[in-house]
Amino acid sequence: MLTATFLLQAQQHKGADWSFFVMMGLLMVVFYFFMIRPQQKKAKDAKKFRESLQKGTKVVTIGGLHGKVVEVADSTILLEVDSNVRLRFEKSAIAMDSSQHLNEATAKAQ
């Protein structure tokens, strides 16, 4: 009688393991589509934007500094932030296009 009870418990435990792995798999799929994939897309778009920077583009740095691109090098850019005030930044320090920043600000205000 004891062995029969033990075998029944073992069979019930197998089904629980299978459903656990299915639930973990579904959790990973949801995590990927709601967390990882959007983050990768955002990083890809930011990299594409930084590579397409051109002279005359108004940008915002990750520190919040607004300026106009004067010169573009391989890994750096030269920003004009005021009359005759130019600062050199790494391309990775550029957050977004200034017009995009203004559009987001107006959208939040409404």
N, C-alpha and C. Protein backbone atom coordinates (compact mmCIF):
# COMPACT_ATOMS: atom_id res chain seq x y z
N MET A 1 0.83 -1.20 0.00
CA MET A 1 0.00 0.00 0.00
C MET A 1 0.87 1.25 0.00
N LEU A 2 1.94 1.20 0.75
CA LEU A 2 2.84 2.34 0.83
C LEU A 2 3.52 2.60 -0.51
N THR A 3 3.92 1.52 -1.21
CA THR A 3 4.57 1.69 -2.51
C THR A 3 3.59 2.22 -3.55
N ALA A 4 2.34 1.81 -3.50
CA ALA A 4 1.34 2.30 -4.46
C ALA A 4 1.11 3.79 -4.27
N THR A 5 1.05 4.25 -3.03
CA THR A 5 0.87 5.68 -2.74
C THR A 5 2.07 6.46 -3.22
N PHE A 6 3.27 5.91 -3.02
CA PHE A 6 4.51 6.56 -3.45
C PHE A 6 4.54 6.71 -4.98
N LEU A 7 4.12 5.67 -5.70
CA LEU A 7 4.11 5.72 -7.16
C LEU A 7 3.08 6.73 -7.67
N LEU A 8 1.93 6.82 -7.04
CA LEU A 8 0.93 7.79 -7.45
C LEU A 8 1.43 9.21 -7.24
N GLN A 9 2.13 9.44 -6.14
CA GLN A 9 2.68 10.77 -5.88
C GLN A 9 3.75 11.12 -6.92
N ALA A 10 4.55 10.14 -7.29
CA ALA A 10 5.59 10.37 -8.29
C ALA A 10 4.97 10.73 -9.64
N GLN A 11 3.89 10.09 -10.01
CA GLN A 11 3.23 10.39 -11.28
C GLN A 11 2.61 11.78 -11.26
N GLN A 12 2.04 12.18 -10.17
CA GLN A 12 1.46 13.51 -10.06
C GLN A 12 2.56 14.57 -10.15
N HIS A 13 3.69 14.30 -9.60
CA HIS A 13 4.80 15.25 -9.59
C HIS A 13 5.34 15.49 -11.00
N LYS A 14 5.33 14.48 -11.87
CA LYS A 14 5.80 14.63 -13.25
C LYS A 14 4.97 15.65 -14.00
N GLY A 15 3.67 15.61 -13.85
CA GLY A 15 2.79 16.56 -14.52
C GLY A 15 3.03 17.97 -14.04
N ALA A 16 3.31 18.16 -12.80
CA ALA A 16 3.58 19.47 -12.24
C ALA A 16 4.87 20.04 -12.83
N ASP A 17 5.89 19.22 -13.04
CA ASP A 17 7.14 19.68 -13.63
C ASP A 17 6.91 20.16 -15.06
N TRP A 18 6.11 19.44 -15.82
CA TRP A 18 5.84 19.80 -17.20
C TRP A 18 5.13 21.15 -17.28
N SER A 19 4.13 21.35 -16.47
CA SER A 19 3.39 22.62 -16.50
C SER A 19 4.27 23.78 -16.01
N PHE A 20 5.18 23.51 -15.10
CA PHE A 20 6.11 24.54 -14.62
C PHE A 20 6.99 25.03 -15.77
N PHE A 21 7.51 24.08 -16.56
CA PHE A 21 8.38 24.47 -17.67
C PHE A 21 7.61 25.21 -18.77
N VAL A 22 6.37 24.83 -18.98
CA VAL A 22 5.53 25.54 -19.96
C VAL A 22 5.30 26.97 -19.48
N MET A 23 4.98 27.14 -18.22
CA MET A 23 4.75 28.47 -17.66
C MET A 23 6.02 29.32 -17.71
N MET A 24 7.17 28.72 -17.42
CA MET A 24 8.43 29.46 -17.48
C MET A 24 8.75 29.86 -18.92
N GLY A 25 8.45 28.98 -19.86
CA GLY A 25 8.66 29.29 -21.28
C GLY A 25 7.78 30.45 -21.72
N LEU A 26 6.52 30.42 -21.32
CA LEU A 26 5.62 31.52 -21.66
C LEU A 26 6.07 32.83 -21.02
N LEU A 27 6.54 32.75 -19.81
CA LEU A 27 7.05 33.93 -19.12
C LEU A 27 8.25 34.52 -19.85
N MET A 28 9.13 33.67 -20.34
CA MET A 28 10.30 34.13 -21.09
C MET A 28 9.88 34.78 -22.41
N VAL A 29 8.89 34.21 -23.09
CA VAL A 29 8.41 34.78 -24.34
C VAL A 29 7.80 36.17 -24.10
N VAL A 30 6.99 36.29 -23.08
CA VAL A 30 6.39 37.58 -22.73
C VAL A 30 7.48 38.58 -22.36
N PHE A 31 8.43 38.15 -21.56
CA PHE A 31 9.54 39.01 -21.15
C PHE A 31 10.31 39.51 -22.37
N TYR A 32 10.55 38.64 -23.33
CA TYR A 32 11.28 39.02 -24.54
C TYR A 32 10.51 40.08 -25.33
N PHE A 33 9.21 39.84 -25.57
CA PHE A 33 8.44 40.76 -26.41
C PHE A 33 8.12 42.09 -25.74
N PHE A 34 8.05 42.13 -24.41
CA PHE A 34 7.72 43.38 -23.74
C PHE A 34 8.92 44.12 -23.15
N MET A 35 10.06 43.44 -23.00
CA MET A 35 11.21 44.09 -22.38
C MET A 35 12.43 44.13 -23.30
N ILE A 36 12.86 43.02 -23.78
CA ILE A 36 14.13 42.94 -24.51
C ILE A 36 14.00 43.49 -25.93
N ARG A 37 13.00 43.07 -26.65
CA ARG A 37 12.86 43.48 -28.05
C ARG A 37 12.69 45.00 -28.21
N PRO A 38 11.82 45.66 -27.42
CA PRO A 38 11.72 47.12 -27.55
C PRO A 38 13.03 47.84 -27.20
N GLN A 39 13.75 47.32 -26.23
CA GLN A 39 15.03 47.92 -25.85
C GLN A 39 16.04 47.81 -26.99
N GLN A 40 16.08 46.66 -27.64
CA GLN A 40 16.99 46.47 -28.77
C GLN A 40 16.62 47.39 -29.93
N LYS A 41 15.33 47.56 -30.17
CA LYS A 41 14.87 48.43 -31.25
C LYS A 41 15.25 49.87 -30.96
N LYS A 42 15.09 50.29 -29.72
CA LYS A 42 15.43 51.66 -29.33
C LYS A 42 16.93 51.90 -29.49
N ALA A 43 17.75 50.95 -29.09
CA ALA A 43 19.20 51.07 -29.23
C ALA A 43 19.60 51.11 -30.70
N LYS A 44 18.96 50.31 -31.52
CA LYS A 44 19.24 50.27 -32.95
C LYS A 44 18.89 51.61 -33.60
N ASP A 45 17.73 52.17 -33.24
CA ASP A 45 17.32 53.47 -33.78
C ASP A 45 18.27 54.58 -33.35
N ALA A 46 18.73 54.55 -32.10
CA ALA A 46 19.66 55.56 -31.60
C ALA A 46 20.99 55.48 -32.34
N LYS A 47 21.47 54.27 -32.58
CA LYS A 47 22.72 54.09 -33.32
C LYS A 47 22.58 54.60 -34.75
N LYS A 48 21.46 54.29 -35.38
CA LYS A 48 21.20 54.74 -36.74
C LYS A 48 21.16 56.27 -36.80
N PHE A 49 20.53 56.91 -35.80
CA PHE A 49 20.46 58.36 -35.73
C PHE A 49 21.86 58.97 -35.59
N ARG A 50 22.67 58.39 -34.71
CA ARG A 50 24.02 58.92 -34.48
C ARG A 50 24.90 58.79 -35.72
N GLU A 51 24.70 57.72 -36.48
CA GLU A 51 25.48 57.53 -37.70
C GLU A 51 25.04 58.47 -38.81
N SER A 52 23.79 58.94 -38.75
CA SER A 52 23.27 59.80 -39.81
C SER A 52 23.39 61.29 -39.47
N LEU A 53 24.10 61.64 -38.40
CA LEU A 53 24.25 63.05 -38.03
C LEU A 53 24.96 63.81 -39.15
N GLN A 54 24.45 64.99 -39.43
CA GLN A 54 25.02 65.83 -40.47
C GLN A 54 25.22 67.23 -39.94
N LYS A 55 26.04 67.98 -40.64
CA LYS A 55 26.31 69.36 -40.29
C LYS A 55 25.00 70.15 -40.36
N GLY A 56 24.74 70.96 -39.33
CA GLY A 56 23.54 71.78 -39.29
C GLY A 56 22.40 71.19 -38.49
N THR A 57 22.49 69.92 -38.11
CA THR A 57 21.43 69.28 -37.33
C THR A 57 21.44 69.80 -35.90
N LYS A 58 20.28 70.14 -35.38
CA LYS A 58 20.17 70.58 -33.98
C LYS A 58 19.92 69.35 -33.12
N VAL A 59 20.75 69.17 -32.08
CA VAL A 59 20.68 67.97 -31.26
C VAL A 59 20.68 68.32 -29.77
N VAL A 60 20.37 67.31 -28.96
CA VAL A 60 20.41 67.40 -27.51
C VAL A 60 21.34 66.29 -27.02
N THR A 61 22.26 66.62 -26.11
CA THR A 61 23.15 65.60 -25.56
C THR A 61 22.46 64.87 -24.42
N ILE A 62 23.07 63.78 -23.95
CA ILE A 62 22.48 63.05 -22.83
C ILE A 62 22.52 63.86 -21.54
N GLY A 63 23.35 64.90 -21.52
CA GLY A 63 23.40 65.80 -20.36
C GLY A 63 22.40 66.93 -20.45
N GLY A 64 21.69 67.05 -21.58
CA GLY A 64 20.68 68.07 -21.74
C GLY A 64 21.15 69.32 -22.46
N LEU A 65 22.37 69.32 -22.98
CA LEU A 65 22.92 70.47 -23.69
C LEU A 65 22.39 70.50 -25.12
N HIS A 66 21.86 71.65 -25.52
CA HIS A 66 21.32 71.83 -26.88
C HIS A 66 22.38 72.51 -27.73
N GLY A 67 22.51 72.06 -28.97
CA GLY A 67 23.47 72.68 -29.86
C GLY A 67 23.25 72.28 -31.30
N LYS A 68 24.05 72.89 -32.18
CA LYS A 68 23.97 72.62 -33.61
C LYS A 68 25.27 71.97 -34.05
N VAL A 69 25.17 70.89 -34.82
CA VAL A 69 26.35 70.17 -35.28
C VAL A 69 27.10 71.03 -36.29
N VAL A 70 28.41 71.23 -36.02
CA VAL A 70 29.26 72.02 -36.89
C VAL A 70 30.18 71.12 -37.70
N GLU A 71 30.63 70.03 -37.06
CA GLU A 71 31.58 69.12 -37.71
C GLU A 71 31.32 67.71 -37.23
N VAL A 72 31.42 66.76 -38.14
CA VAL A 72 31.22 65.34 -37.80
C VAL A 72 32.50 64.59 -38.14
N ALA A 73 33.06 63.89 -37.14
CA ALA A 73 34.24 63.04 -37.34
C ALA A 73 33.81 61.59 -37.18
N ASP A 74 34.78 60.68 -37.13
CA ASP A 74 34.46 59.25 -37.00
C ASP A 74 33.69 58.95 -35.73
N SER A 75 34.24 59.35 -34.59
CA SER A 75 33.59 59.01 -33.32
C SER A 75 33.18 60.24 -32.51
N THR A 76 33.47 61.43 -33.03
CA THR A 76 33.13 62.65 -32.30
C THR A 76 32.38 63.62 -33.20
N ILE A 77 31.74 64.59 -32.54
CA ILE A 77 31.12 65.69 -33.27
C ILE A 77 31.46 66.99 -32.57
N LEU A 78 31.42 68.07 -33.30
CA LEU A 78 31.66 69.39 -32.75
C LEU A 78 30.33 70.12 -32.75
N LEU A 79 29.91 70.56 -31.55
CA LEU A 79 28.63 71.26 -31.41
C LEU A 79 28.87 72.73 -31.15
N GLU A 80 28.08 73.56 -31.78
CA GLU A 80 28.08 74.99 -31.48
C GLU A 80 26.90 75.23 -30.55
N VAL A 81 27.19 75.62 -29.30
CA VAL A 81 26.14 75.81 -28.31
C VAL A 81 25.75 77.27 -28.15
N ASP A 82 26.62 78.18 -28.58
CA ASP A 82 26.36 79.61 -28.53
C ASP A 82 27.26 80.27 -29.57
N SER A 83 27.17 81.55 -29.74
CA SER A 83 28.03 82.24 -30.71
C SER A 83 29.49 82.01 -30.35
N ASN A 84 30.23 81.39 -31.26
CA ASN A 84 31.66 81.11 -31.09
C ASN A 84 31.99 80.23 -29.89
N VAL A 85 31.03 79.46 -29.41
CA VAL A 85 31.29 78.49 -28.34
C VAL A 85 31.05 77.11 -28.93
N ARG A 86 32.14 76.38 -29.07
CA ARG A 86 32.05 75.04 -29.68
C ARG A 86 32.61 74.01 -28.72
N LEU A 87 31.91 72.90 -28.62
CA LEU A 87 32.31 71.81 -27.73
C LEU A 87 32.35 70.51 -28.52
N ARG A 88 33.36 69.68 -28.23
CA ARG A 88 33.49 68.40 -28.91
C ARG A 88 32.91 67.31 -28.00
N PHE A 89 32.07 66.45 -28.57
CA PHE A 89 31.43 65.36 -27.85
C PHE A 89 31.64 64.05 -28.60
N GLU A 90 31.59 62.96 -27.86
CA GLU A 90 31.52 61.64 -28.47
C GLU A 90 30.13 61.50 -29.08
N LYS A 91 30.04 60.78 -30.17
CA LYS A 91 28.73 60.57 -30.80
C LYS A 91 27.77 59.86 -29.85
N SER A 92 28.30 59.01 -28.99
CA SER A 92 27.45 58.27 -28.06
C SER A 92 26.80 59.19 -27.02
N ALA A 93 27.28 60.43 -26.90
CA ALA A 93 26.71 61.38 -25.94
C ALA A 93 25.50 62.12 -26.52
N ILE A 94 25.18 61.89 -27.78
CA ILE A 94 24.04 62.56 -28.40
C ILE A 94 22.79 61.73 -28.15
N ALA A 95 21.80 62.39 -27.56
CA ALA A 95 20.57 61.67 -27.20
C ALA A 95 19.55 61.67 -28.32
N MET A 96 19.26 62.85 -28.87
CA MET A 96 18.20 62.93 -29.87
C MET A 96 18.28 64.21 -30.66
N ASP A 97 17.47 64.25 -31.71
CA ASP A 97 17.31 65.44 -32.51
C ASP A 97 16.55 66.47 -31.67
N SER A 98 16.94 67.71 -31.74
CA SER A 98 16.31 68.76 -30.95
C SER A 98 14.84 68.93 -31.29
N SER A 99 14.48 68.80 -32.55
CA SER A 99 13.07 68.92 -32.94
C SER A 99 12.25 67.77 -32.36
N GLN A 100 12.85 66.59 -32.26
CA GLN A 100 12.16 65.45 -31.64
C GLN A 100 11.93 65.73 -30.16
N HIS A 101 12.91 66.34 -29.51
CA HIS A 101 12.79 66.68 -28.09
C HIS A 101 11.65 67.68 -27.88
N LEU A 102 11.54 68.67 -28.76
CA LEU A 102 10.48 69.66 -28.65
C LEU A 102 9.12 69.03 -28.90
N ASN A 103 9.03 68.10 -29.83
CA ASN A 103 7.76 67.41 -30.10
C ASN A 103 7.31 66.60 -28.90
N GLU A 104 8.26 65.93 -28.23
CA GLU A 104 7.92 65.14 -27.04
C GLU A 104 7.45 66.05 -25.91
N ALA A 105 8.09 67.21 -25.75
CA ALA A 105 7.72 68.15 -24.69
C ALA A 105 6.31 68.69 -24.91
N THR A 106 5.97 69.01 -26.14
CA THR A 106 4.63 69.51 -26.43
C THR A 106 3.58 68.42 -26.24
N ALA A 107 3.93 67.19 -26.57
CA ALA A 107 2.99 66.08 -26.40
C ALA A 107 2.70 65.84 -24.92
N LYS A 108 3.72 65.99 -24.09
CA LYS A 108 3.52 65.82 -22.63
C LYS A 108 2.70 66.95 -22.04
N ALA A 109 2.86 68.17 -22.58
CA ALA A 109 2.13 69.32 -22.07
C ALA A 109 0.64 69.22 -22.38
N GLN A 110 0.30 68.53 -23.45
CA GLN A 110 -1.13 68.41 -23.82
C GLN A 110 -1.72 67.32 -23.04
